C-alpha cells in the first residue's frame, strides 16, 4: 500500500503551479517520491550506524539526500 495519499501529491503539484493533474501523474510522482524516501532512509540509516548512534538525525537525512542526488 502507498504511504503518500494521492490527494497530498495532488496538493504538491498544485502548489507548483499545475492546474489540471491526471490520476496517473499523481500515482507516478507518488511512486518516485516513495522510492526516493526509502533510498534516503537507507543511506541515513547507514550513516547513523557508522556514527555508532541509535537515532537518525536531521543531519543524517540531509547528508543522505545530498549523496542520493549525486
Protein backbone atom coordinates (compact mmCIF):
# COMPACT_ATOMS: atom_id res chain seq x y z
CA UNK A 1 0.00 0.00 0.00
CA UNK A 2 1.17 3.52 -0.78
CA UNK A 3 2.49 5.65 2.06
CA UNK A 4 1.60 9.01 0.45
CA UNK A 5 -2.01 9.80 -0.40
CA UNK A 6 -2.90 10.86 -3.92
CA UNK A 7 -4.60 13.96 -2.55
CA UNK A 8 -1.34 15.02 -0.86
CA UNK A 9 0.56 14.51 -4.12
CA UNK A 10 -2.09 16.49 -6.00
CA UNK A 11 -1.76 19.37 -3.50
CA UNK A 12 2.02 19.40 -4.02
CA UNK A 13 1.61 19.55 -7.78
CA UNK A 14 -0.95 22.35 -7.48
CA UNK A 15 1.48 24.30 -5.28
CA UNK A 16 3.99 24.07 -8.13
CA UNK A 17 1.51 25.79 -10.44
CA UNK A 18 -0.26 22.87 -12.15
CA UNK A 19 -3.99 23.40 -12.59
CA UNK A 20 -5.08 20.05 -14.00
CA UNK A 21 -3.42 16.80 -12.93
CA UNK A 22 -4.28 13.29 -14.02
CA UNK A 23 -4.58 10.46 -11.52
CA UNK A 24 -1.83 8.63 -13.41
CA UNK A 25 0.51 11.61 -12.98
CA UNK A 26 -0.17 11.67 -9.24
CA UNK A 27 0.43 7.92 -8.99
CA UNK A 28 3.72 8.19 -10.90
CA UNK A 29 5.02 11.03 -8.74
CA UNK A 30 3.94 9.16 -5.61
CA UNK A 31 5.92 6.09 -6.72
CA UNK A 32 9.00 8.21 -7.47
CA UNK A 33 8.82 10.03 -4.12
CA UNK A 34 8.34 6.79 -2.18
CA UNK A 35 11.38 5.20 -3.83
CA UNK A 36 13.43 8.34 -3.13
CA UNK A 37 12.31 8.40 0.52
CA UNK A 38 13.23 4.74 1.02
CA UNK A 39 16.66 5.24 -0.58
CA UNK A 40 17.39 8.33 1.52
CA UNK A 41 16.23 6.44 4.62
CA UNK A 42 18.54 3.51 3.90
CA UNK A 43 21.51 5.80 3.39
CA UNK A 44 20.67 7.77 6.55
CA UNK A 45 20.49 4.51 8.49
CA UNK A 46 23.98 3.55 7.28
CA UNK A 47 25.27 6.96 8.38
CA UNK A 48 23.65 6.51 11.79
CA UNK A 49 25.24 3.08 12.24
CA UNK A 50 28.63 4.40 11.12
CA UNK A 51 28.37 7.16 13.74
CA UNK A 52 27.51 4.50 16.36
CA UNK A 53 24.15 6.06 17.14
CA UNK A 54 20.71 4.54 17.51
CA UNK A 55 18.76 7.55 16.27
CA UNK A 56 18.68 9.04 12.78
CA UNK A 57 19.29 12.78 12.99
CA UNK A 58 18.29 15.63 10.71
CA UNK A 59 21.91 15.86 9.57
CA UNK A 60 21.83 12.18 8.50
CA UNK A 61 18.80 12.84 6.30
CA UNK A 62 20.39 15.96 4.79
CA UNK A 63 23.67 14.18 4.02
CA UNK A 64 21.85 11.11 2.68
CA UNK A 65 19.78 13.31 0.37
CA UNK A 66 22.90 15.08 -0.92
CA UNK A 67 24.53 11.69 -1.51
CA UNK A 68 21.49 10.40 -3.41
CA UNK A 69 21.40 13.47 -5.66
CA UNK A 70 24.92 12.81 -6.98
